[in-house]
Protein backbone atom coordinates (compact mmCIF):
# COMPACT_ATOMS: atom_id res chain seq x y z
CA MET A 1 -6.93 -7.76 1.96
CA LYS A 2 -9.43 -6.15 4.24
CA LEU A 3 -11.05 -2.76 3.23
CA ASP A 4 -12.20 -0.46 6.06
CA SER A 5 -15.62 -0.03 4.49
CA PHE A 6 -16.59 -3.63 4.50
CA GLY A 7 -15.64 -4.90 7.98
CA SER A 8 -14.44 -8.38 8.03
CA ARG A 9 -14.94 -9.18 4.41
CA ASN A 10 -11.73 -10.59 2.92
CA PHE A 11 -10.75 -9.78 -0.70
CA GLU A 12 -8.31 -11.93 -2.71
CA ASP A 13 -5.48 -9.94 -4.38
CA ARG A 14 -2.00 -10.08 -5.73
CA LEU A 15 0.97 -7.85 -5.48
CA ASP A 16 1.45 -6.32 -8.84
CA SER A 17 4.35 -3.86 -8.26
CA PHE A 18 6.09 -1.62 -5.66
CA SER A 19 8.49 1.28 -5.71
CA PRO A 20 12.20 0.36 -5.10
CA ALA A 21 12.52 3.21 -2.58
CA SER A 22 10.58 5.87 -0.67
CA SER A 23 9.72 9.09 -2.40
CA ASP A 24 12.36 11.21 -0.62
CA GLN A 25 15.11 9.08 -2.24
CA PHE A 26 13.80 10.20 -5.67
CA SER A 27 13.62 13.94 -4.77
CA LEU A 28 16.10 16.48 -6.24
CA LEU A 29 17.58 17.26 -2.77
CA PRO A 30 17.02 14.15 -0.56
CA PRO A 31 17.19 14.78 3.20
CA ASP A 32 20.63 14.25 4.90
CA ASN A 33 20.66 13.65 8.61
CA ALA A 34 24.26 14.50 9.18
CA ARG A 35 23.58 16.25 12.40
CA GLY A 36 22.84 13.10 14.31
CA ASN A 37 19.08 13.26 14.23
CA PHE A 38 18.13 9.67 15.10
CA THR A 39 14.33 10.30 15.20
CA LYS A 40 12.68 7.46 13.36
CA VAL A 41 10.53 8.69 10.50
CA VAL A 42 7.95 6.59 8.84
CA GLN A 43 8.55 6.16 5.12
CA ARG A 44 5.83 5.32 2.60
CA VAL A 45 6.50 3.15 -0.32
CA ALA A 46 4.08 2.96 -3.30
CA VAL A 47 2.49 -0.52 -3.68
CA LYS A 48 0.01 -1.65 -6.32
CA PHE A 49 -2.37 -4.59 -5.58
CA VAL A 50 -4.71 -6.05 -8.14
CA LEU A 51 -7.99 -7.41 -6.84
CA GLY A 52 -9.22 -10.73 -8.11
CA ALA A 53 -12.31 -10.39 -10.39
CA GLU A 54 -14.20 -13.20 -8.43
CA SER A 55 -13.19 -11.67 -5.08
CA ILE A 56 -14.93 -8.31 -5.86
CA LYS A 57 -17.91 -9.60 -7.68
CA GLY A 58 -20.83 -7.32 -6.52
CA TYR A 59 -18.51 -4.86 -4.95
CA GLU A 60 -17.03 -3.30 -8.11
CA SER A 61 -18.91 0.10 -7.89
CA ARG A 62 -18.54 0.42 -4.29
CA ILE A 63 -14.71 0.29 -3.96
CA PRO A 64 -13.39 3.88 -4.59
CA PRO A 65 -9.81 4.76 -5.32
CA GLY A 66 -7.80 5.70 -2.14
CA ILE A 67 -9.83 3.54 0.22
CA SER A 68 -7.92 2.43 3.42
CA ALA A 69 -6.96 -1.20 3.41
CA THR A 70 -5.24 -3.84 5.69
CA VAL A 71 -3.08 -6.07 3.57
CA ASN A 72 -1.24 -9.28 4.51
CA VAL A 73 1.29 -10.55 2.02
CA GLU A 74 2.03 -14.29 1.83
CA LEU A 75 5.47 -15.00 0.23
CA LYS A 76 5.66 -18.30 -1.72
């Protein structure tokens, strides 16, 4: 994981959990594109990553909630 505030510094993390669908699927009245609207709309899915304790040593107080990150997931 790379955090925007720290340039090229890599942090080790693990995928803890993710939402099974985007938020509009859980809404009371989900959108229905029955009129043939084929515009691609970006959907956001909630994902939780846990940073490794050794990886963030010295950075604990400088990583605020909501910081932008670039994450690469390696499947094993």
